[in-house]
N, C-alpha and C. Protein backbone atom coordinates (compact mmCIF):
# COMPACT_ATOMS: atom_id res chain seq x y z
N MET A 1 0.82 -1.12 0.07
CA MET A 1 0.25 -0.22 -0.10
C MET A 1 0.70 1.07 -0.04
N ALA A 2 0.09 2.32 -0.70
CA ALA A 2 1.13 3.32 -0.96
C ALA A 2 0.37 4.58 -0.32
N LEU A 3 1.13 5.71 0.40
CA LEU A 3 0.48 6.91 0.84
C LEU A 3 1.12 7.85 0.54
N HIS A 4 -0.08 8.75 -0.26
CA HIS A 4 0.94 9.72 -0.86
C HIS A 4 0.98 11.16 -0.23
N GLY A 5 1.49 12.21 -0.23
CA GLY A 5 1.97 13.24 0.54
C GLY A 5 0.72 14.33 0.30
N TYR A 6 1.12 15.47 1.45
CA TYR A 6 0.17 16.50 1.75
C TYR A 6 0.11 17.23 0.63
N GLY A 7 -1.39 17.34 0.00
CA GLY A 7 -1.60 18.03 -1.16
C GLY A 7 -1.44 17.56 -2.46
N ALA A 8 -1.13 16.20 -2.36
CA ALA A 8 -0.99 15.20 -3.57
C ALA A 8 -2.27 14.49 -3.95
N THR A 9 -2.26 13.38 -4.75
CA THR A 9 -3.22 12.56 -4.96
C THR A 9 -2.62 11.26 -5.36
N GLU A 10 -3.71 10.38 -5.23
CA GLU A 10 -2.91 8.96 -5.30
C GLU A 10 -2.60 8.42 -6.51
N THR A 11 -2.99 9.29 -7.51
CA THR A 11 -2.61 9.06 -8.97
C THR A 11 -1.32 9.27 -9.25
N GLN A 12 -0.64 10.45 -8.39
CA GLN A 12 0.82 10.54 -8.50
C GLN A 12 2.02 9.70 -8.17
N PHE A 13 1.47 8.60 -7.16
CA PHE A 13 2.27 7.89 -6.67
C PHE A 13 3.33 6.90 -7.87
N SER A 14 2.46 6.53 -8.63
CA SER A 14 3.08 5.58 -9.95
C SER A 14 4.09 6.27 -10.58
N THR A 15 3.98 7.46 -10.65
CA THR A 15 4.69 8.22 -11.41
C THR A 15 6.04 8.40 -10.27
N LEU A 16 6.01 9.13 -9.25
CA LEU A 16 6.99 9.02 -8.35
C LEU A 16 7.78 8.11 -7.60
N MET A 17 7.26 6.80 -7.61
CA MET A 17 7.45 5.67 -7.51
C MET A 17 7.28 4.44 -8.40
N PRO A 18 7.90 4.66 -9.54
CA PRO A 18 7.74 3.04 -10.42
C PRO A 18 8.46 2.23 -10.15
N LEU A 19 7.86 1.20 -9.29
CA LEU A 19 8.68 0.29 -8.76
C LEU A 19 9.03 -1.13 -9.76
N ASP A 20 8.09 -1.38 -10.88
CA ASP A 20 8.08 -2.17 -11.82
C ASP A 20 8.17 -3.55 -11.46
N LEU A 21 7.42 -3.62 -10.43
CA LEU A 21 7.51 -5.25 -9.82
C LEU A 21 6.26 -5.85 -9.59
N PRO A 22 6.01 -7.06 -9.80
CA PRO A 22 5.06 -7.89 -9.71
C PRO A 22 4.22 -7.96 -8.58
N ILE A 23 3.55 -6.57 -8.31
CA ILE A 23 2.81 -6.62 -7.02
C ILE A 23 1.19 -5.76 -7.41
N VAL A 24 0.63 -6.09 -6.39
CA VAL A 24 -0.74 -5.59 -6.36
C VAL A 24 -0.58 -4.14 -5.55
N THR A 25 -0.79 -3.14 -6.02
CA THR A 25 -0.67 -1.71 -5.41
C THR A 25 -1.88 -1.12 -5.20
N VAL A 26 -2.19 -0.65 -3.79
CA VAL A 26 -3.23 -0.05 -3.17
C VAL A 26 -2.92 1.43 -2.94
N VAL A 27 -3.49 2.38 -3.54
CA VAL A 27 -3.15 3.69 -3.12
C VAL A 27 -4.27 4.48 -2.85
N PRO A 28 -4.71 4.50 -1.50
CA PRO A 28 -5.81 5.17 -1.14
C PRO A 28 -5.77 6.83 -1.24
N ARG A 29 -6.85 7.79 -1.18
CA ARG A 29 -7.14 8.90 -1.15
C ARG A 29 -7.25 9.51 -0.19
N ALA A 30 -6.32 10.62 0.37
CA ALA A 30 -6.22 11.02 1.64
C ALA A 30 -7.69 11.84 1.94
N PRO A 31 -8.29 11.73 3.07
CA PRO A 31 -9.65 12.19 3.34
C PRO A 31 -10.03 14.09 3.34
N HIS A 32 -8.69 14.58 3.40
CA HIS A 32 -9.12 16.25 3.46
C HIS A 32 -8.40 16.88 2.03
N THR A 33 -9.34 17.82 1.63
CA THR A 33 -9.47 18.34 0.49
C THR A 33 -8.01 19.29 0.68
N VAL A 34 -7.04 19.53 -0.05
CA VAL A 34 -5.95 20.35 0.17
C VAL A 34 -5.32 20.68 -1.17
N GLU A 35 -5.78 21.88 -1.61
CA GLU A 35 -5.50 22.29 -2.87
C GLU A 35 -3.65 22.34 -3.37
N PRO A 36 -3.49 21.67 -4.71
CA PRO A 36 -4.16 20.78 -5.27
C PRO A 36 -4.35 19.66 -5.13
N GLY A 37 -4.54 18.91 -4.03
CA GLY A 37 -4.72 17.49 -3.87
C GLY A 37 -5.79 17.34 -2.30
N PHE A 38 -4.93 16.50 -1.81
CA PHE A 38 -5.63 15.97 -0.41
C PHE A 38 -4.69 15.84 0.55
N GLY A 39 -4.78 15.61 2.00
CA GLY A 39 -4.14 15.41 2.86
C GLY A 39 -4.73 14.81 3.98
N TRP A 40 -3.63 13.86 4.84
CA TRP A 40 -4.34 13.06 5.68
C TRP A 40 -4.47 13.60 7.10
N TRP A 41 -4.02 14.92 7.32
CA TRP A 41 -4.40 15.47 8.31
C TRP A 41 -3.84 17.15 8.12
N THR A 42 -4.44 17.72 8.87
CA THR A 42 -3.83 19.36 8.80
C THR A 42 -2.56 19.63 9.73
N PRO A 43 -1.44 19.87 8.94
CA PRO A 43 -0.32 20.12 9.92
C PRO A 43 -0.48 21.20 10.91
N GLU A 44 -0.03 21.10 12.24
CA GLU A 44 -0.05 21.80 13.46
C GLU A 44 1.18 22.02 13.78
N PRO A 45 2.10 22.87 13.87
CA PRO A 45 3.38 22.97 14.16
C PRO A 45 3.49 23.49 15.57
N LEU A 46 4.23 22.77 16.35
CA LEU A 46 4.37 23.17 17.77
C LEU A 46 5.41 24.42 18.05
N ALA A 47 5.04 25.33 18.97
CA ALA A 47 6.16 26.29 19.33
C ALA A 47 7.59 25.62 19.42
N GLY A 48 8.49 26.47 18.90
CA GLY A 48 9.70 25.93 18.79
C GLY A 48 10.21 25.03 18.05
N GLU A 49 9.45 24.25 17.29
CA GLU A 49 10.01 23.17 16.65
C GLU A 49 9.97 23.60 15.20
N GLU A 50 11.20 22.85 14.55
CA GLU A 50 11.54 23.41 13.22
C GLU A 50 10.47 22.48 12.15
N LEU A 51 10.14 21.75 12.63
CA LEU A 51 9.59 20.55 11.88
C LEU A 51 8.03 21.02 11.58
N ILE A 52 7.62 20.93 10.46
CA ILE A 52 6.29 21.69 10.12
C ILE A 52 4.97 20.39 10.20
N ASP A 53 5.63 19.21 10.46
CA ASP A 53 4.42 18.29 9.98
C ASP A 53 3.88 17.32 11.67
N LEU A 54 4.14 18.20 12.59
CA LEU A 54 3.70 17.69 14.13
C LEU A 54 1.93 17.74 13.87
N ALA A 55 1.54 16.92 13.99
CA ALA A 55 0.52 17.07 14.19
C ALA A 55 -0.81 16.49 15.20
N PRO A 56 -1.83 17.20 15.40
CA PRO A 56 -2.78 16.94 16.32
C PRO A 56 -3.14 15.52 16.18
N THR A 57 -3.27 14.98 17.56
CA THR A 57 -3.53 13.71 18.10
C THR A 57 -4.63 12.99 17.31
N ALA A 58 -5.76 13.76 16.94
CA ALA A 58 -7.01 13.20 16.56
C ALA A 58 -6.98 13.05 15.19
N GLY A 59 -5.82 13.95 14.34
CA GLY A 59 -6.11 14.05 12.95
C GLY A 59 -5.20 12.78 12.76
N VAL A 60 -3.76 12.26 13.48
CA VAL A 60 -3.13 10.95 13.30
C VAL A 60 -4.12 9.92 13.52
N ASP A 61 -4.81 9.76 14.67
CA ASP A 61 -5.68 8.93 14.80
C ASP A 61 -6.52 8.41 13.90
N ALA A 62 -7.24 9.39 13.41
CA ALA A 62 -8.32 8.87 12.36
C ALA A 62 -7.51 8.58 11.07
N ALA A 63 -6.69 9.05 10.66
CA ALA A 63 -5.78 8.53 9.51
C ALA A 63 -5.47 7.03 9.96
N VAL A 64 -4.68 6.86 11.15
CA VAL A 64 -3.86 5.70 11.10
C VAL A 64 -5.43 4.42 11.17
N ALA A 65 -6.53 4.72 11.69
CA ALA A 65 -7.45 3.81 11.70
C ALA A 65 -8.03 3.83 10.26
N ARG A 66 -7.92 4.92 9.63
CA ARG A 66 -8.51 4.63 8.11
C ARG A 66 -7.67 3.66 7.14
N VAL A 67 -6.30 4.05 7.44
CA VAL A 67 -5.48 3.07 6.56
C VAL A 67 -5.64 1.70 7.30
N VAL A 68 -5.34 1.27 8.44
CA VAL A 68 -5.66 -0.01 8.97
C VAL A 68 -6.80 -0.60 8.38
N GLU A 69 -8.08 -0.07 8.23
CA GLU A 69 -9.08 -0.56 7.55
C GLU A 69 -8.87 -0.89 6.21
N ILE A 70 -8.36 0.00 5.31
CA ILE A 70 -8.01 -0.16 4.25
C ILE A 70 -6.97 -1.08 3.93
N ILE A 71 -6.04 -1.76 4.73
CA ILE A 71 -5.16 -2.79 4.51
C ILE A 71 -5.78 -4.22 5.00
N GLU A 72 -6.78 -4.01 6.13
CA GLU A 72 -7.28 -5.35 6.35
C GLU A 72 -8.12 -5.50 5.24
N ALA A 73 -9.10 -4.69 4.27
CA ALA A 73 -10.07 -4.98 3.57
C ALA A 73 -9.41 -5.39 1.98
N ALA A 74 -7.86 -4.87 2.18
CA ALA A 74 -7.21 -5.33 0.99
C ALA A 74 -6.72 -6.64 0.88
N GLN A 75 -6.02 -6.97 1.93
CA GLN A 75 -5.78 -8.16 2.64
C GLN A 75 -6.75 -9.38 2.38
N ILE A 76 -7.90 -8.90 2.82
CA ILE A 76 -9.11 -10.12 2.56
C ILE A 76 -9.23 -10.14 0.96
N TYR A 77 -9.53 -9.09 0.30
CA TYR A 77 -10.18 -8.82 -1.34
C TYR A 77 -8.83 -9.91 -1.82
N HIS A 78 -7.46 -9.43 -1.69
CA HIS A 78 -6.37 -10.02 -2.60
C HIS A 78 -5.85 -11.08 -1.87
N ARG A 79 -6.53 -11.85 -0.60
CA ARG A 79 -5.92 -12.83 -0.22
C ARG A 79 -4.52 -13.03 0.08
N PHE A 80 -4.03 -12.11 0.72
CA PHE A 80 -2.82 -11.60 1.20
C PHE A 80 -2.98 -11.56 2.58
N SER A 81 -1.80 -12.01 3.27
CA SER A 81 -1.53 -12.06 4.68
C SER A 81 -0.54 -10.73 4.90
N PRO A 82 -0.49 -10.51 6.35
CA PRO A 82 0.53 -9.55 6.73
C PRO A 82 2.02 -9.83 6.35
N ALA A 83 2.38 -10.93 6.14
CA ALA A 83 3.45 -11.37 5.67
C ALA A 83 4.12 -10.80 4.26
N ASP A 84 2.77 -10.48 3.57
CA ASP A 84 2.78 -10.26 2.17
C ASP A 84 2.60 -8.68 1.94
N THR A 85 2.61 -7.85 2.85
CA THR A 85 2.12 -6.47 2.77
C THR A 85 3.47 -5.28 3.21
N VAL A 86 3.57 -4.69 2.42
CA VAL A 86 4.58 -3.59 2.49
C VAL A 86 3.76 -2.23 2.74
N LEU A 87 3.96 -1.51 3.44
CA LEU A 87 3.52 -0.15 3.56
C LEU A 87 4.49 0.92 3.00
N ILE A 88 4.09 1.89 2.02
CA ILE A 88 5.28 2.66 1.53
C ILE A 88 4.38 4.50 1.50
N GLY A 89 5.37 5.38 2.26
CA GLY A 89 4.73 6.50 2.34
C GLY A 89 5.73 7.70 1.63
N TYR A 90 5.31 8.86 1.02
CA TYR A 90 6.08 10.14 0.70
C TYR A 90 5.60 11.37 1.54
N SER A 91 6.25 11.90 2.15
CA SER A 91 6.03 13.21 3.05
C SER A 91 5.39 12.86 3.70
N GLN A 92 4.15 13.52 4.03
CA GLN A 92 3.04 13.37 4.97
C GLN A 92 2.76 12.24 5.07
N GLY A 93 2.58 11.17 4.04
CA GLY A 93 2.18 9.88 4.04
C GLY A 93 2.91 8.97 4.39
N SER A 94 4.40 9.32 4.52
CA SER A 94 5.51 8.43 5.04
C SER A 94 5.54 8.67 6.51
N SER A 95 4.91 9.71 6.94
CA SER A 95 5.05 9.97 8.61
C SER A 95 3.85 8.73 8.91
N LEU A 96 2.50 9.29 8.16
CA LEU A 96 1.54 8.24 8.51
C LEU A 96 1.79 6.65 8.20
N ALA A 97 2.59 6.46 7.24
CA ALA A 97 3.16 4.85 6.96
C ALA A 97 3.74 4.35 8.65
N LEU A 98 4.61 5.16 8.90
CA LEU A 98 5.48 4.92 10.09
C LEU A 98 4.76 4.93 11.51
N SER A 99 3.73 5.80 11.43
CA SER A 99 2.85 5.67 12.56
C SER A 99 1.80 4.07 12.16
N VAL A 100 1.62 4.17 11.33
CA VAL A 100 0.84 2.73 11.45
C VAL A 100 1.55 1.74 11.63
N ALA A 101 2.97 1.55 11.20
CA ALA A 101 3.93 0.47 11.78
C ALA A 101 4.11 0.47 12.99
N ALA A 102 4.21 1.83 13.59
CA ALA A 102 4.68 1.73 15.12
C ALA A 102 3.48 1.24 15.98
N ARG A 103 2.15 1.55 15.62
CA ARG A 103 1.09 1.05 16.48
C ARG A 103 0.53 -0.07 16.04
N HIS A 104 0.80 -0.99 14.62
CA HIS A 104 0.17 -2.21 14.17
C HIS A 104 1.18 -2.88 13.53
N PRO A 105 2.31 -3.40 14.51
CA PRO A 105 3.38 -3.75 13.48
C PRO A 105 3.16 -5.32 12.78
N GLU A 106 1.90 -5.81 13.49
CA GLU A 106 1.24 -7.13 13.28
C GLU A 106 0.64 -7.00 12.03
N ARG A 107 0.01 -5.81 11.56
CA ARG A 107 -0.66 -5.75 10.23
C ARG A 107 0.09 -5.85 9.14
N ILE A 108 1.77 -5.81 9.04
CA ILE A 108 2.49 -5.53 7.71
C ILE A 108 3.70 -6.30 8.10
N ALA A 109 4.47 -6.48 6.81
CA ALA A 109 5.82 -7.00 7.11
C ALA A 109 6.98 -6.09 6.98
N ALA A 110 6.72 -5.19 6.48
CA ALA A 110 7.88 -3.85 6.10
C ALA A 110 7.07 -2.43 5.88
N VAL A 111 7.94 -1.65 6.04
CA VAL A 111 7.44 -0.08 5.92
C VAL A 111 8.78 0.42 5.45
N ALA A 112 8.48 1.33 4.46
CA ALA A 112 9.51 2.18 3.47
C ALA A 112 8.97 3.62 3.50
N SER A 113 9.76 4.42 4.17
CA SER A 113 9.72 6.09 4.58
C SER A 113 10.55 6.81 3.81
N VAL A 114 9.72 8.01 2.58
CA VAL A 114 10.64 8.64 1.84
C VAL A 114 10.35 10.23 2.53
N ALA A 115 11.11 10.95 2.92
CA ALA A 115 10.80 12.41 2.96
C ALA A 115 9.91 12.74 4.35
N GLY A 116 9.74 11.76 5.14
CA GLY A 116 9.27 12.18 6.35
C GLY A 116 9.88 11.53 7.62
N PHE A 117 9.18 11.40 8.91
CA PHE A 117 9.74 10.85 9.70
C PHE A 117 8.87 10.31 10.79
N LEU A 118 9.27 9.46 12.03
CA LEU A 118 8.36 9.18 13.05
C LEU A 118 7.73 10.22 13.86
N LEU A 119 6.54 10.79 13.80
CA LEU A 119 5.93 11.83 15.03
C LEU A 119 6.64 11.38 16.21
N PRO A 120 7.18 12.53 16.75
CA PRO A 120 7.58 12.28 18.30
C PRO A 120 6.74 11.73 19.37
N THR A 121 5.62 11.88 19.09
CA THR A 121 4.38 11.46 19.98
C THR A 121 4.07 9.82 19.84
N GLU A 122 4.67 9.35 18.82
CA GLU A 122 4.45 7.81 18.93
C GLU A 122 5.44 7.01 19.54
N ARG A 123 4.60 5.74 20.00
CA ARG A 123 5.42 4.75 20.68
C ARG A 123 5.56 3.81 19.89
N VAL A 124 6.25 2.91 19.37
CA VAL A 124 6.90 2.10 18.76
C VAL A 124 6.65 0.57 19.47
N ARG A 125 5.81 0.04 18.82
CA ARG A 125 5.34 -1.34 19.60
C ARG A 125 6.38 -2.83 19.21
N SER A 126 6.65 -3.48 19.78
CA SER A 126 7.43 -4.76 19.20
C SER A 126 6.49 -5.43 18.59
N SER A 127 6.82 -6.69 18.09
CA SER A 127 6.09 -7.71 17.55
C SER A 127 6.88 -8.82 17.61
N THR A 128 6.17 -10.22 17.29
CA THR A 128 6.88 -11.39 17.41
C THR A 128 7.80 -11.72 16.23
N THR A 129 7.35 -10.66 15.34
CA THR A 129 7.91 -10.97 14.07
C THR A 129 8.41 -9.49 13.81
N PRO A 130 9.74 -9.36 13.85
CA PRO A 130 10.19 -8.05 13.39
C PRO A 130 9.98 -7.56 12.09
N LEU A 131 9.37 -6.34 12.46
CA LEU A 131 9.35 -5.39 10.75
C LEU A 131 10.67 -5.06 10.20
N GLN A 132 10.53 -5.07 8.64
CA GLN A 132 11.81 -4.77 8.31
C GLN A 132 11.47 -3.27 8.02
N VAL A 133 12.29 -2.34 8.54
CA VAL A 133 11.86 -0.73 8.28
C VAL A 133 13.06 0.04 7.52
N LEU A 134 12.50 0.84 6.49
CA LEU A 134 13.53 1.56 5.67
C LEU A 134 12.97 3.09 5.68
N VAL A 135 14.12 3.82 6.26
CA VAL A 135 13.62 5.21 6.16
C VAL A 135 14.78 6.31 5.35
N MET A 136 14.31 7.03 4.39
CA MET A 136 15.04 7.60 3.44
C MET A 136 14.84 9.27 3.48
N ASN A 137 15.80 9.92 3.88
CA ASN A 137 15.41 11.52 3.92
C ASN A 137 16.88 12.26 2.85
N GLY A 138 16.42 13.32 2.73
CA GLY A 138 17.05 14.39 1.98
C GLY A 138 18.23 14.90 2.56
N SER A 139 19.15 15.15 2.63
CA SER A 139 20.20 16.02 3.45
C SER A 139 19.62 17.68 3.15
N TYR A 140 19.26 17.94 2.07
CA TYR A 140 18.70 19.29 1.61
C TYR A 140 17.17 19.44 1.71
N ASP A 141 16.60 18.64 2.57
CA ASP A 141 15.08 18.59 2.80
C ASP A 141 14.95 19.43 3.99
N THR A 142 14.06 20.67 3.78
CA THR A 142 14.26 21.63 5.16
C THR A 142 12.49 21.25 5.93
N LEU A 143 11.95 20.00 5.09
CA LEU A 143 10.71 19.76 5.98
C LEU A 143 10.95 18.75 7.40
N THR A 144 12.28 18.38 7.12
CA THR A 144 12.43 17.45 8.21
C THR A 144 14.03 17.72 8.55
N SER A 145 14.72 16.88 9.20
CA SER A 145 15.87 17.23 10.07
C SER A 145 16.60 15.74 9.98
N ALA A 146 18.06 16.15 10.09
CA ALA A 146 18.98 14.94 10.49
C ALA A 146 18.53 14.06 11.85
N ALA A 147 18.10 14.79 12.76
CA ALA A 147 17.66 14.35 14.35
C ALA A 147 16.23 13.24 14.02
N ALA A 148 15.17 14.17 13.55
CA ALA A 148 14.26 13.47 13.06
C ALA A 148 14.40 11.97 12.43
N HIS A 149 15.54 12.30 11.27
CA HIS A 149 15.74 10.82 10.63
C HIS A 149 16.22 9.77 11.72
N SER A 150 17.15 10.37 12.51
CA SER A 150 18.15 9.61 13.16
C SER A 150 17.02 9.00 14.46
N ALA A 151 16.41 9.67 14.92
CA ALA A 151 15.16 9.63 15.81
C ALA A 151 14.43 8.12 15.22
N SER A 152 13.86 8.47 13.82
CA SER A 152 13.24 7.41 13.43
C SER A 152 13.47 6.08 13.44
N VAL A 153 14.73 6.07 12.92
CA VAL A 153 15.42 4.82 12.64
C VAL A 153 15.82 4.19 13.90
N GLU A 154 16.64 5.01 14.90
CA GLU A 154 16.23 4.30 16.23
C GLU A 154 15.25 3.77 17.27
N ARG A 155 14.38 4.56 17.05
CA ARG A 155 13.11 4.19 18.04
C ARG A 155 12.41 2.84 17.42
N PHE A 156 12.71 2.55 15.98
CA PHE A 156 12.29 1.22 15.53
C PHE A 156 13.21 -0.07 16.08
N ALA A 157 14.43 0.61 15.70
CA ALA A 157 15.24 -0.49 16.40
C ALA A 157 15.34 -0.83 17.89
N GLU A 158 15.21 0.02 18.55
CA GLU A 158 15.12 -0.28 20.10
C GLU A 158 13.79 -0.75 20.38
N ALA A 159 12.87 -0.86 19.84
CA ALA A 159 11.40 -1.81 19.92
C ALA A 159 11.79 -3.15 19.16
N GLY A 160 13.08 -3.60 18.69
CA GLY A 160 13.60 -4.81 18.13
C GLY A 160 13.08 -5.20 16.83
N HIS A 161 12.82 -4.07 15.85
CA HIS A 161 12.68 -4.34 14.46
C HIS A 161 14.06 -4.34 13.69
N GLN A 162 13.93 -4.55 12.36
CA GLN A 162 15.14 -4.43 11.73
C GLN A 162 14.93 -3.15 10.85
N ALA A 163 15.63 -2.01 11.55
CA ALA A 163 15.75 -0.69 10.86
C ALA A 163 16.62 -0.06 10.21
N ALA A 164 16.80 0.48 8.84
CA ALA A 164 18.04 1.14 8.33
C ALA A 164 17.52 2.45 8.25
N GLY A 165 18.42 3.58 7.91
CA GLY A 165 18.26 4.68 7.22
C GLY A 165 19.32 5.41 6.29
N HIS A 166 19.01 6.06 5.31
CA HIS A 166 19.97 6.41 4.35
C HIS A 166 19.55 7.97 4.02
N VAL A 167 20.50 8.99 4.11
CA VAL A 167 20.20 10.36 3.92
C VAL A 167 21.13 10.61 2.56
N ASP A 168 20.47 10.99 1.56
CA ASP A 168 20.91 11.37 0.43
C ASP A 168 21.07 12.51 -0.07
N PRO A 169 21.79 13.26 -0.60
CA PRO A 169 21.81 14.74 -0.99
C PRO A 169 20.86 15.12 -1.98
N VAL A 170 19.55 15.54 -1.51
CA VAL A 170 18.66 15.62 -2.48
C VAL A 170 17.31 16.46 -1.27
N PRO A 171 16.88 17.29 -1.91
CA PRO A 171 15.49 18.15 -1.25
C PRO A 171 14.34 17.05 -1.08
N HIS A 172 13.33 17.88 -0.86
CA HIS A 172 11.88 16.93 -0.50
C HIS A 172 11.70 16.50 -1.95
N VAL A 173 12.08 15.32 -2.18
CA VAL A 173 11.73 14.85 -3.64
C VAL A 173 11.81 13.30 -3.27
N ILE A 174 11.46 12.48 -4.21
CA ILE A 174 12.04 11.07 -4.44
C ILE A 174 12.80 10.91 -5.62
N ASP A 175 14.03 10.29 -5.50
CA ASP A 175 14.73 10.38 -6.67
C ASP A 175 14.96 9.03 -7.04
N ASP A 176 16.07 9.04 -8.36
CA ASP A 176 16.02 7.46 -8.80
C ASP A 176 16.74 6.84 -7.61
N VAL A 177 17.98 6.99 -6.97
CA VAL A 177 18.20 6.38 -5.97
C VAL A 177 17.21 5.80 -4.70
N GLN A 178 16.46 6.53 -4.55
CA GLN A 178 15.36 5.95 -3.48
C GLN A 178 14.44 5.29 -4.19
N VAL A 179 14.25 5.09 -5.45
CA VAL A 179 13.36 4.53 -6.07
C VAL A 179 14.09 3.08 -6.48
N ARG A 180 15.42 2.98 -6.48
CA ARG A 180 15.86 1.55 -6.74
C ARG A 180 16.09 1.06 -5.31
N ARG A 181 16.68 1.66 -4.47
CA ARG A 181 16.50 1.53 -2.86
C ARG A 181 15.25 0.63 -2.56
N THR A 182 14.27 1.34 -2.66
CA THR A 182 12.80 0.99 -2.07
C THR A 182 12.16 -0.34 -3.28
N ARG A 183 12.83 -0.52 -4.37
CA ARG A 183 12.37 -1.64 -5.00
C ARG A 183 13.08 -2.64 -4.49
N ASP A 184 14.36 -2.65 -4.41
CA ASP A 184 15.32 -3.69 -3.63
C ASP A 184 14.66 -4.17 -2.05
N PHE A 185 14.31 -2.82 -1.42
CA PHE A 185 13.74 -3.22 -0.22
C PHE A 185 12.60 -4.21 -0.12
N VAL A 186 11.88 -3.89 -1.27
CA VAL A 186 10.49 -4.78 -1.48
C VAL A 186 10.77 -6.10 -1.98
N LEU A 187 11.65 -6.33 -2.94
CA LEU A 187 11.94 -7.67 -3.41
C LEU A 187 12.68 -8.48 -2.05
N ASN A 188 13.58 -8.00 -1.29
CA ASN A 188 14.24 -8.63 -0.07
C ASN A 188 13.20 -8.58 1.07
N SER A 189 12.40 -8.04 1.21
CA SER A 189 11.54 -8.17 2.42
C SER A 189 10.43 -9.02 2.29
N VAL A 190 9.95 -9.09 1.08
CA VAL A 190 8.65 -9.74 0.69
C VAL A 190 8.58 -10.80 -0.69
N ILE A 191 9.03 -10.12 -1.83
CA ILE A 191 8.91 -10.96 -2.71
C ILE A 191 9.78 -12.32 -2.66
N GLU A 192 11.06 -11.89 -2.50
CA GLU A 192 11.68 -12.92 -2.78
C GLU A 192 11.79 -14.11 -1.53
N ARG A 193 11.32 -13.40 -0.38
CA ARG A 193 11.28 -14.22 0.86
C ARG A 193 10.15 -14.95 0.77
N THR A 194 8.90 -14.84 -0.05
CA THR A 194 7.81 -15.83 0.06
C THR A 194 7.65 -16.24 -1.40
N ALA A 195 8.40 -15.68 -2.27
CA ALA A 195 8.34 -16.42 -3.63
C ALA A 195 7.07 -16.23 -4.36
N SER A 196 6.04 -15.14 -4.10
CA SER A 196 4.84 -15.02 -4.17
C SER A 196 4.68 -13.63 -5.06
N PRO A 197 3.71 -13.73 -6.18
CA PRO A 197 3.65 -12.69 -7.11
C PRO A 197 2.66 -11.64 -6.76
N GLY A 198 2.15 -11.65 -5.43
CA GLY A 198 1.34 -10.79 -5.11
C GLY A 198 1.59 -10.15 -3.71
N LEU A 199 1.50 -9.01 -3.58
CA LEU A 199 1.75 -7.96 -2.59
C LEU A 199 1.29 -6.78 -2.49
N GLU A 200 0.78 -6.16 -1.32
CA GLU A 200 0.42 -5.23 -0.98
C GLU A 200 1.39 -3.80 -0.52
N CYS A 201 1.50 -2.87 -1.77
CA CYS A 201 2.83 -2.22 -1.55
C CYS A 201 2.50 -0.88 -2.35
N ASP A 202 3.38 -0.21 -2.50
CA ASP A 202 3.29 0.77 -3.39
C ASP A 202 4.28 0.32 -4.63
């Protein structure tokens, strides 16, 4: 499953992240209209914080609940299990993907985040089957920070998950290196492991 960014649409994700893999892709639309697209919640910066995407708890709670519902429905419809399911997000969608993974690690096998971070209010749960976690950020991205990137990786690792982070010399975008890295991540975390042609992913 793929979660788009703030102000974007679900149709843009295949252009941003063309993985070219034998997978089923589920890309829901965020519920709130934000020109020129949609958002998962309304950003609400906290005083003194450099990060603009800290969010009101109610907004995150509603978005996480909605995504979990969609994951469950897609797994039933496509006959996938959590072991076949990868969640990928970009920008605000990546923070949402990490929140879903932090709260419900049993629902998915892996999560990849591009140009986002785990919200500091989240508590990462452990799981009997550790998640594969990939966090990618740009060193020129003014919407996140090196500290937020490191904290995202460390907090998943501390909860027992297999977390890796990469910082690339890019702004708030998805570049070709990140696309290739995500493709390899999906191959290694789900497709090659299960030898299955189906996957819940971007």
